C-alpha atoms as a PDB file:
ATOM      1  CA  MET A   1      20.911-106.638 -76.060  1.00  0.00           C
ATOM      2  CA  HIS A   2      23.847-105.681 -73.645  1.00  0.00           C
ATOM      3  CA  THR A   3      23.596-102.239 -75.042  1.00  0.00           C
ATOM      4  CA  SER A   4      19.945-102.056 -74.577  1.00  0.00           C
ATOM      5  CA  LEU A   5      20.877-103.175 -70.719  1.00  0.00           C
ATOM      6  CA  ASN A   6      23.204-100.665 -70.199  1.00  0.00           C
ATOM      7  CA  LEU A   7      20.809 -97.888 -71.832  1.00  0.00           C
ATOM      8  CA  ARG A   8      18.017 -98.823 -69.103  1.00  0.00           C
ATOM      9  CA  LEU A   9      20.238 -98.848 -66.397  1.00  0.00           C
ATOM     10  CA  ALA A  10      21.771 -95.330 -67.205  1.00  0.00           C
ATOM     11  CA  THR A  11      17.910 -94.340 -67.732  1.00  0.00           C
ATOM     12  CA  LEU A  12      16.863 -95.277 -64.306  1.00  0.00           C
ATOM     13  CA  ALA A  13      20.219 -93.699 -62.517  1.00  0.00           C
ATOM     14  CA  THR A  14      19.468 -90.318 -64.171  1.00  0.00           C
ATOM     15  CA  LEU A  15      15.947 -90.594 -62.863  1.00  0.00           C
ATOM     16  CA  ALA A  16      17.073 -91.400 -59.181  1.00  0.00           C
ATOM     17  CA  LEU A  17      19.732 -88.938 -59.387  1.00  0.00           C
ATOM     18  CA  ALA A  18      17.151 -86.111 -60.462  1.00  0.00           C
ATOM     19  CA  ALA A  19      14.592 -87.076 -57.461  1.00  0.00           C
ATOM     20  CA  VAL A  20      17.507 -87.191 -55.156  1.00  0.00           C
ATOM     21  CA  SER A  21      18.248 -83.852 -56.158  1.00  0.00           C
ATOM     22  CA  GLN A  22      14.749 -82.384 -56.096  1.00  0.00           C
ATOM     23  CA  ALA A  23      14.154 -83.892 -52.563  1.00  0.00           C
ATOM     24  CA  THR A  24      17.271 -82.670 -51.023  1.00  0.00           C
ATOM     25  CA  PRO A  25      15.967 -79.340 -49.643  1.00  0.00           C
ATOM     26  CA  ALA A  26      12.667 -81.027 -48.721  1.00  0.00           C
ATOM     27  CA  ILE A  27      14.935 -83.180 -46.226  1.00  0.00           C
ATOM     28  CA  ALA A  28      17.037 -80.571 -45.258  1.00  0.00           C
ATOM     29  CA  GLN A  29      14.072 -78.510 -44.591  1.00  0.00           C
ATOM     30  CA  SER A  30      12.271 -81.260 -42.354  1.00  0.00           C
ATOM     31  CA  MET A  31      15.570 -82.578 -40.507  1.00  0.00           C
ATOM     32  CA  PHE A  32      17.430 -79.293 -39.533  1.00  0.00           C
ATOM     33  CA  GLY A  33      16.385 -76.767 -36.920  1.00  0.00           C
ATOM     34  CA  GLN A  34      17.808 -74.016 -35.759  1.00  0.00           C
ATOM     35  CA  GLN A  35      19.479 -73.325 -32.475  1.00  0.00           C
ATOM     36  CA  GLU A  36      20.024 -70.065 -30.618  1.00  0.00           C
ATOM     37  CA  ILE A  37      23.972 -68.854 -29.695  1.00  0.00           C
ATOM     38  CA  ASP A  38      25.197 -66.209 -28.104  1.00  0.00           C
ATOM     39  CA  GLN A  39      25.591 -63.282 -30.033  1.00  0.00           C
ATOM     40  CA  SER A  40      28.663 -62.483 -28.843  1.00  0.00           C
ATOM     41  CA  ARG A  41      31.098 -64.886 -29.654  1.00  0.00           C
ATOM     42  CA  PHE A  42      30.273 -64.423 -33.345  1.00  0.00           C
ATOM     43  CA  VAL A  43      31.410 -61.279 -35.516  1.00  0.00           C
ATOM     44  CA  ALA A  44      30.286 -61.390 -39.500  1.00  0.00           C
ATOM     45  CA  VAL A  45      33.197 -59.468 -41.187  1.00  0.00           C
ATOM     46  CA  ALA A  46      33.293 -57.624 -44.721  1.00  0.00           C
ATOM     47  CA  SER A  47      37.010 -59.140 -45.792  1.00  0.00           C
ATOM     48  CA  PRO A  48      38.759 -58.169 -48.477  1.00  0.00           C
ATOM     49  CA  TYR A  49      39.743 -59.470 -51.173  1.00  0.00           C
ATOM     50  CA  GLY A  50      41.231 -58.885 -55.015  1.00  0.00           C
ATOM     51  CA  GLY A  51      41.007 -55.127 -55.586  1.00  0.00           C
ATOM     52  CA  ASN A  52      38.410 -53.093 -53.880  1.00  0.00           C
ATOM     53  CA  ALA A  53      36.152 -56.561 -53.214  1.00  0.00           C
ATOM     54  CA  HIS A  54      35.110 -57.342 -49.901  1.00  0.00           C
ATOM     55  CA  GLN A  55      33.223 -61.192 -48.974  1.00  0.00           C
ATOM     56  CA  LEU A  56      31.196 -62.277 -46.244  1.00  0.00           C
ATOM     57  CA  LEU A  57      33.575 -64.037 -43.143  1.00  0.00           C
ATOM     58  CA  ILE A  58      32.150 -65.171 -40.254  1.00  0.00           C
ATOM     59  CA  ILE A  59      34.066 -65.978 -36.898  1.00  0.00           C
ATOM     60  CA  LYS A  60      33.503 -67.546 -33.960  1.00  0.00           C
ATOM     61  CA  GLN A  61      35.040 -67.601 -30.840  1.00  0.00           C
ATOM     62  CA  LEU A  62      34.719 -71.491 -29.768  1.00  0.00           C
ATOM     63  CA  SER A  63      36.813 -71.112 -26.572  1.00  0.00           C
ATOM     64  CA  ASN A  64      38.454 -68.281 -24.162  1.00  0.00           C
ATOM     65  CA  VAL A  65      42.180 -69.557 -24.623  1.00  0.00           C
ATOM     66  CA  ARG A  66      43.016 -66.644 -26.840  1.00  0.00           C
ATOM     67  CA  SER A  67      40.787 -64.005 -28.658  1.00  0.00           C
ATOM     68  CA  CYS A  68      40.082 -64.875 -32.023  1.00  0.00           C
ATOM     69  CA  TRP A  69      39.724 -60.870 -33.668  1.00  0.00           C
ATOM     70  CA  SER A  70      40.019 -57.379 -32.005  1.00  0.00           C
ATOM     71  CA  GLU A  71      37.978 -53.652 -32.694  1.00  0.00           C
ATOM     72  CA  SER A  72      38.709 -50.970 -32.865  1.00  0.00           C
ATOM     73  CA  GLY A  73      36.991 -47.422 -34.108  1.00  0.00           C
ATOM     74  CA  ALA A  74      33.552 -46.648 -35.101  1.00  0.00           C
ATOM     75  CA  SER A  75      31.512 -46.031 -38.458  1.00  0.00           C
ATOM     76  CA  PRO A  76      33.414 -48.173 -39.432  1.00  0.00           C
ATOM     77  CA  THR A  77      34.705 -50.542 -36.746  1.00  0.00           C
ATOM     78  CA  ARG A  78      37.430 -51.999 -38.123  1.00  0.00           C
ATOM     79  CA  ILE A  79      38.305 -55.759 -37.519  1.00  0.00           C
ATOM     80  CA  ASN A  80      41.672 -57.460 -37.006  1.00  0.00           C
ATOM     81  CA  PRO A  81      41.539 -61.069 -37.584  1.00  0.00           C
ATOM     82  CA  LEU A  82      43.689 -62.536 -34.614  1.00  0.00           C
ATOM     83  CA  LEU A  83      43.289 -66.276 -35.852  1.00  0.00           C
ATOM     84  CA  VAL A  84      45.642 -65.603 -38.489  1.00  0.00           C
ATOM     85  CA  GLU A  85      48.172 -65.118 -35.622  1.00  0.00           C
ATOM     86  CA  PHE A  86      48.390 -68.354 -33.914  1.00  0.00           C
ATOM     87  CA  ASP A  87      46.855 -71.944 -34.914  1.00  0.00           C
ATOM     88  CA  PHE A  88      43.182 -71.389 -34.062  1.00  0.00           C
ATOM     89  CA  THR A  89      42.038 -75.116 -33.965  1.00  0.00           C
ATOM     90  CA  ASP A  90      39.783 -75.536 -31.396  1.00  0.00           C
ATOM     91  CA  ILE A  91      40.108 -72.047 -30.490  1.00  0.00           C
ATOM     92  CA  CYS A  92      38.039 -70.401 -33.481  1.00  0.00           C
ATOM     93  CA  GLY A  93      35.776 -70.977 -35.727  1.00  0.00           C
ATOM     94  CA  ARG A  94      36.002 -69.660 -39.854  1.00  0.00           C
ATOM     95  CA  SER A  95      33.348 -69.815 -42.314  1.00  0.00           C
ATOM     96  CA  ILE A  96      34.103 -68.172 -45.816  1.00  0.00           C
ATOM     97  CA  ASP A  97      31.397 -69.452 -47.976  1.00  0.00           C
ATOM     98  CA  SER A  98      28.218 -71.285 -48.290  1.00  0.00           C
ATOM     99  CA  ASN A  99      29.481 -74.347 -46.688  1.00  0.00           C
ATOM    100  CA  GLY A 100      29.975 -72.240 -43.821  1.00  0.00           C
ATOM    101  CA  TYR A 101      26.566 -70.191 -43.564  1.00  0.00           C
ATOM    102  CA  SER A 102      23.421 -69.804 -45.505  1.00  0.00           C
ATOM    103  CA  MET A 103      20.195 -68.102 -44.752  1.00  0.00           C
ATOM    104  CA  ARG A 104      17.418 -69.012 -42.806  1.00  0.00           C
ATOM    105  CA  VAL A 105      13.893 -67.354 -42.771  1.00  0.00           C
ATOM    106  CA  GLY A 106      10.922 -67.671 -40.947  1.00  0.00           C
ATOM    107  CA  GLY A 107      12.211 -71.538 -39.927  1.00  0.00           C
ATOM    108  CA  GLU A 108      12.701 -72.249 -43.663  1.00  0.00           C
ATOM    109  CA  ASP A 109      16.401 -73.218 -44.953  1.00  0.00           C
ATOM    110  CA  GLN A 110      16.643 -70.804 -48.132  1.00  0.00           C
ATOM    111  CA  ASN A 111      20.017 -73.128 -49.171  1.00  0.00           C
ATOM    112  CA  TRP A 112      21.013 -72.507 -52.709  1.00  0.00           C
ATOM    113  CA  ARG A 113      18.288 -69.773 -53.308  1.00  0.00           C
ATOM    114  CA  TYR A 114      20.016 -67.120 -52.006  1.00  0.00           C
ATOM    115  CA  SER A 115      23.571 -66.054 -51.971  1.00  0.00           C
ATOM    116  CA  PHE A 116      25.678 -63.325 -50.329  1.00  0.00           C
ATOM    117  CA  ARG A 117      27.259 -60.576 -52.019  1.00  0.00           C
ATOM    118  CA  VAL A 118      28.995 -57.465 -49.837  1.00  0.00           C
ATOM    119  CA  MET A 119      28.213 -54.299 -52.134  1.00  0.00           C
ATOM    120  CA  LYS A 120      29.588 -50.823 -51.512  1.00  0.00           C
ATOM    121  CA  ARG A 121      26.639 -48.596 -51.873  1.00  0.00           C
ATOM    122  CA  GLU A 122      26.786 -44.763 -50.693  1.00  0.00           C
ATOM    123  CA  GLY A 123      29.996 -44.516 -48.827  1.00  0.00           C
ATOM    124  CA  ASP A 124      29.047 -47.685 -46.927  1.00  0.00           C
ATOM    125  CA  LEU A 125      29.498 -51.643 -47.509  1.00  0.00           C
ATOM    126  CA  HIS A 126      25.982 -53.913 -47.844  1.00  0.00           C
ATOM    127  CA  LEU A 127      25.867 -57.325 -46.860  1.00  0.00           C
ATOM    128  CA  ILE A 128      23.115 -57.997 -49.414  1.00  0.00           C
ATOM    129  CA  ALA A 129      20.956 -61.792 -49.957  1.00  0.00           C
ATOM    130  CA  ALA A 130      20.804 -61.920 -53.833  1.00  0.00           C
ATOM    131  CA  PRO A 131      18.209 -64.469 -55.596  1.00  0.00           C
ATOM    132  CA  ASN A 132      19.647 -67.159 -57.647  1.00  0.00           C
ATOM    133  CA  THR A 133      16.463 -68.666 -59.080  1.00  0.00           C
ATOM    134  CA  ASP A 134      14.278 -66.007 -59.487  1.00  0.00           C
ATOM    135  CA  ARG A 135      15.526 -62.780 -60.482  1.00  0.00           C
ATOM    136  CA  THR A 136      12.619 -60.258 -60.353  1.00  0.00           C
ATOM    137  CA  LEU A 137      12.635 -60.633 -56.242  1.00  0.00           C
ATOM    138  CA  PRO A 138      14.115 -58.231 -54.627  1.00  0.00           C
ATOM    139  CA  GLU A 139      17.711 -58.096 -53.094  1.00  0.00           C
ATOM    140  CA  LEU A 140      17.727 -58.372 -49.181  1.00  0.00           C
ATOM    141  CA  LEU A 141      19.563 -56.127 -46.972  1.00  0.00           C
ATOM    142  CA  ILE A 142      20.815 -58.023 -44.086  1.00  0.00           C
ATOM    143  CA  ALA A 143      23.709 -55.901 -42.560  1.00  0.00           C
ATOM    144  CA  ARG A 144      26.185 -52.917 -43.090  1.00  0.00           C
ATOM    145  CA  THR A 145      29.419 -51.831 -41.634  1.00  0.00           C
ATOM    146  CA  ARG A 146      27.927 -48.060 -41.287  1.00  0.00           C
ATOM    147  CA  GLY A 147      30.810 -46.673 -43.446  1.00  0.00           C
ATOM    148  CA  TYR A 148      33.302 -47.624 -45.897  1.00  0.00           C
ATOM    149  CA  THR A 149      37.033 -49.169 -45.515  1.00  0.00           C
ATOM    150  CA  SER A 150      39.270 -51.185 -47.787  1.00  0.00           C
ATOM    151  CA  GLY A 151      40.223 -53.455 -44.979  1.00  0.00           C
ATOM    152  CA  PHE A 152      38.461 -55.376 -42.680  1.00  0.00           C
ATOM    153  CA  ALA A 153      34.911 -53.989 -41.308  1.00  0.00           C
ATOM    154  CA  LYS A 154      32.491 -55.244 -38.514  1.00  0.00           C
ATOM    155  CA  PHE A 155      28.884 -55.629 -40.281  1.00  0.00           C
ATOM    156  CA  TYR A 156      25.980 -54.476 -37.988  1.00  0.00           C
ATOM    157  CA  PHE A 157      22.870 -56.519 -38.576  1.00  0.00           C
ATOM    158  CA  GLU A 158      19.795 -54.571 -39.608  1.00  0.00           C
ATOM    159  CA  PRO A 159      16.821 -55.414 -37.115  1.00  0.00           C
ATOM    160  CA  GLY A 160      15.009 -58.688 -37.163  1.00  0.00           C
ATOM    161  CA  TRP A 161      18.461 -60.215 -38.481  1.00  0.00           C
ATOM    162  CA  ARG A 162      20.695 -62.114 -36.123  1.00  0.00           C
ATOM    163  CA  VAL A 163      23.158 -65.436 -36.243  1.00  0.00           C
ATOM    164  CA  THR A 164      22.163 -68.778 -35.358  1.00  0.00           C
ATOM    165  CA  GLU A 165      23.610 -72.463 -35.919  1.00  0.00           C
ATOM    166  CA  ARG A 166      22.123 -75.424 -37.937  1.00  0.00           C
ATOM    167  CA  SER A 167      21.078 -78.247 -35.227  1.00  0.00           C
ATOM    168  CA  TYR A 168      19.580 -81.665 -35.982  1.00  0.00           C
ATOM    169  CA  GLN A 169      18.003 -83.727 -32.813  1.00  0.00           C
ATOM    170  CA  GLY A 170      18.683 -80.396 -30.855  1.00  0.00           C
ATOM    171  CA  SER A 171      22.679 -80.960 -31.195  1.00  0.00           C
ATOM    172  CA  SER A 172      24.688 -78.193 -33.247  1.00  0.00           C
ATOM    173  CA  LEU A 173      26.288 -79.155 -36.560  1.00  0.00           C
ATOM    174  CA  GLY A 174      28.214 -75.806 -36.718  1.00  0.00           C
ATOM    175  CA  HIS A 175      26.977 -74.016 -40.001  1.00  0.00           C
ATOM    176  CA  ILE A 176      25.781 -71.041 -39.147  1.00  0.00           C
ATOM    177  CA  TYR A 177      22.362 -69.472 -40.333  1.00  0.00           C
ATOM    178  CA  LEU A 178      22.051 -65.318 -41.067  1.00  0.00           C
ATOM    179  CA  THR A 179      18.168 -65.690 -39.453  1.00  0.00           C
ATOM    180  CA  ASN A 180      15.116 -63.844 -39.897  1.00  0.00           C
ATOM    181  CA  ASN A 181      12.136 -64.579 -37.954  1.00  0.00           C
ATOM    182  CA  GLN A 182       9.844 -63.476 -40.396  1.00  0.00           C
ATOM    183  CA  SER A 183       8.839 -65.287 -43.833  1.00  0.00           C
ATOM    184  CA  ILE A 184      10.144 -64.339 -47.062  1.00  0.00           C
ATOM    185  CA  ALA A 185       7.049 -63.456 -48.366  1.00  0.00           C
ATOM    186  CA  SER A 186       7.209 -60.419 -45.800  1.00  0.00           C
ATOM    187  CA  LEU A 187      10.954 -59.827 -46.349  1.00  0.00           C
ATOM    188  CA  ASN A 188      10.017 -59.212 -49.967  1.00  0.00           C
ATOM    189  CA  ALA A 189       7.380 -56.982 -49.638  1.00  0.00           C
ATOM    190  CA  ALA A 190       9.126 -54.900 -47.248  1.00  0.00           C
ATOM    191  CA  ALA A 191      12.612 -54.714 -49.531  1.00  0.00           C
ATOM    192  CA  ILE A 192      10.037 -53.742 -52.382  1.00  0.00           C
ATOM    193  CA  ALA A 193       8.144 -51.213 -50.291  1.00  0.00           C
ATOM    194  CA  ALA A 194      11.662 -49.386 -49.249  1.00  0.00           C
ATOM    195  CA  ARG A 195      12.724 -49.066 -52.526  1.00  0.00           C
ATOM    196  CA  PRO A 196      13.609 -45.558 -53.720  1.00  0.00           C
ATOM    197  CA  VAL A 197      10.534 -44.272 -56.170  1.00  0.00           C
ATOM    198  CA  PHE A 198      12.368 -42.229 -59.185  1.00  0.00           C
ATOM    199  CA  THR A 199       9.663 -39.579 -60.623  1.00  0.00           C
ATOM    200  CA  ARG A 200      10.694 -37.597 -63.896  1.00  0.00           C
ATOM    201  CA  PRO A 201      11.184 -33.990 -63.281  1.00  0.00           C
ATOM    202  CA  VAL A 202       8.649 -31.704 -65.151  1.00  0.00           C
ATOM    203  CA  ALA A 203      10.066 -29.335 -67.682  1.00  0.00           C
ATOM    204  CA  ALA A 204       9.912 -25.849 -66.428  1.00  0.00           C
ATOM    205  CA  TYR A 205      10.330 -24.331 -69.931  1.00  0.00           C
ATOM    206  CA  PRO A 206       8.427 -24.664 -73.352  1.00  0.00           C
ATOM    207  CA  SER A 207       9.070 -27.861 -75.349  1.00  0.00           C
ATOM    208  CA  SER A 208       8.447 -26.142 -78.279  1.00  0.00           C
ATOM    209  CA  PRO A 209      11.195 -24.253 -79.956  1.00  0.00           C
ATOM    210  CA  VAL A 210      10.820 -20.065 -79.182  1.00  0.00           C
ATOM    211  CA  PHE A 211      12.664 -17.852 -81.662  1.00  0.00           C
ATOM    212  CA  VAL A 212      13.473 -14.277 -80.670  1.00  0.00           C
ATOM    213  CA  ASN A 213      14.126 -12.694 -84.122  1.00  0.00           C
ATOM    214  CA  SER A 214      15.653  -9.496 -84.419  1.00  0.00           C
ATOM    215  CA  ASN A 215      18.615  -8.852 -86.820  1.00  0.00           C
ATOM    216  CA  SER A 216      20.901 -11.514 -88.713  1.00  0.00           C
ATOM    217  CA  ASN A 217      23.904 -11.038 -85.919  1.00  0.00           C
ATOM    218  CA  ASN A 218      21.559 -11.091 -83.000  1.00  0.00           C
ATOM    219  CA  SER A 219      18.791 -13.693 -83.542  1.00  0.00           C
ATOM    220  CA  VAL A 220      18.064 -15.892 -80.379  1.00  0.00           C
ATOM    221  CA  VAL A 221      16.964 -19.411 -80.900  1.00  0.00           C
ATOM    222  CA  ILE A 222      15.823 -21.824 -77.704  1.00  0.00           C
ATOM    223  CA  ALA A 223      15.830 -25.413 -78.664  1.00  0.00           C
ATOM    224  CA  PRO A 224      13.037 -27.942 -78.177  1.00  0.00           C
ATOM    225  CA  ASN A 225      13.397 -29.316 -74.217  1.00  0.00           C
ATOM    226  CA  SER A 226      15.963 -27.036 -73.364  1.00  0.00           C
ATOM    227  CA  THR A 227      16.686 -27.182 -69.442  1.00  0.00           C
ATOM    228  CA  ALA A 228      18.938 -23.997 -70.190  1.00  0.00           C
ATOM    229  CA  PRO A 229      16.871 -20.579 -68.721  1.00  0.00           C
ATOM    230  CA  ILE A 230      15.471 -17.695 -70.865  1.00  0.00           C
ATOM    231  CA  SER A 231      18.163 -15.056 -70.791  1.00  0.00           C
ATOM    232  CA  ALA A 232      16.607 -11.491 -69.272  1.00  0.00           C
ATOM    233  CA  ALA A 233      19.555  -9.865 -71.363  1.00  0.00           C
ATOM    234  CA  PRO A 234      18.020  -7.106 -73.780  1.00  0.00           C
ATOM    235  CA  VAL A 235      18.080  -8.410 -77.550  1.00  0.00           C
ATOM    236  CA  SER A 236      18.701  -5.329 -80.034  1.00  0.00           C
ATOM    237  CA  VAL A 237      15.887  -4.662 -82.238  1.00  0.00           C
ATOM    238  CA  PRO A 238      16.903  -1.889 -85.084  1.00  0.00           C
ATOM    239  CA  SER A 239      14.293   0.826 -84.977  1.00  0.00           C
ATOM    240  CA  VAL A 240      12.215   1.354 -87.885  1.00  0.00           C
ATOM    241  CA  GLN A 241      11.565   4.434 -89.109  1.00  0.00           C
ATOM    242  CA  ALA A 242       7.874   5.278 -90.104  1.00  0.00           C
ATOM    243  CA  PRO A 243       7.357   6.467 -93.631  1.00  0.00           C
ATOM    244  CA  ARG A 244       6.970  10.081 -94.318  1.00  0.00           C
ATOM    245  CA  PRO A 245       3.670  11.070 -96.267  1.00  0.00           C
ATOM    246  CA  VAL A 246       3.886  11.630-100.035  1.00  0.00           C
ATOM    247  CA  ALA A 247       2.726  15.114-101.089  1.00  0.00           C
ATOM    248  CA  GLN A 248       0.018  14.909-103.285  1.00  0.00           C
ATOM    249  CA  PRO A 249       0.444  17.131-106.592  1.00  0.00           C
ATOM    250  CA  GLN A 250      -1.631  20.326-106.632  1.00  0.00           C
ATOM    251  CA  PRO A 251      -3.458  21.292-109.426  1.00  0.00           C
ATOM    252  CA  LYS A 252      -2.199  23.555-111.540  1.00  0.00           C
ATOM    253  CA  THR A 253      -3.737  27.037-111.559  1.00  0.00           C
ATOM    254  CA  VAL A 254      -4.824  28.124-114.773  1.00  0.00           C
ATOM    255  CA  GLN A 255      -4.505  31.861-115.465  1.00  0.00           C
ATOM    256  CA  LYS A 256      -7.103  33.397-117.548  1.00  0.00           C
ATOM    257  CA  ARG A 257      -5.507  35.498-120.500  1.00  0.00           C
ATOM    258  CA  ARG A 258      -6.140  39.074-120.795  1.00  0.00           C
ATOM    259  CA  PRO A 259      -8.911  39.609-123.433  1.00  0.00           C
ATOM    260  CA  SER A 260      -7.710  41.296-126.501  1.00  0.00           C
ATOM    261  CA  TRP A 261      -8.561  44.992-127.708  1.00  0.00           C
ATOM    262  CA  PHE A 262     -10.803  43.414-130.593  1.00  0.00           C
ATOM    263  CA  GLN A 263     -12.421  41.051-127.914  1.00  0.00           C
ATOM    264  CA  GLN A 264     -13.296  43.819-125.664  1.00  0.00           C
ATOM    265  CA  TRP A 265     -14.859  45.758-128.948  1.00  0.00           C
ATOM    266  CA  PHE A 266     -16.581  42.989-130.739  1.00  0.00           C
ATOM    267  CA  GLY A 267     -17.487  40.323-127.611  1.00  0.00           C
ATOM    268  CA  ARG A 268     -15.039  37.943-129.317  1.00  0.00           C
END
């Protein structure tokens, strides 16, 4: 009996946890809002780690006691994170993972649906929001560094993107949103439309083999689907002489023998 009761309690606990887990995104959606903030007091940074990899770091200037970072150069703009040089408590804020930042679009928290990645592409560093649940959805480009460096670099947001903070009943909670006012459907459609279109090149040469025959040493063969141009160099072809006419046999001339004196006299 105790075993049966324990099984029932375990089942009820499992169902309760599943219900809470499914309701969490909806609760977060209904409870939290976003609060506009001074963009100059934040910087999104491509922060190096490991070998040549980068991750997203967001630094916030909480007070004016000391600067939390400095900038230098352009394309890319290099960041010196000054907060590592002193105790930045109550002076600087730092967010380094999904506990400190997330994506919010069209007034909706995306929570665990998207994760941020920093990708090296075309001599640049791109900040990408990658879908976690539906892998058929496109990646969303949020920001780029406008140049590559293996060190710290400033991210410049793409049009429509900015930093806001999560709020509850008008009070900031410190959690940072990378925010866009468009709906997720609109952003996905724009990302799909911006994808490069690749077309297969049309073959400029015949797809079937072409043989140019000469003698055994100078034969030329062009393979099927070859992209090499046909050489215009002359191919030596042995000359062929026309056959000489064969002399026809001439009929032999039969010489008549001179009649003898007997045939002359007697006519035989």
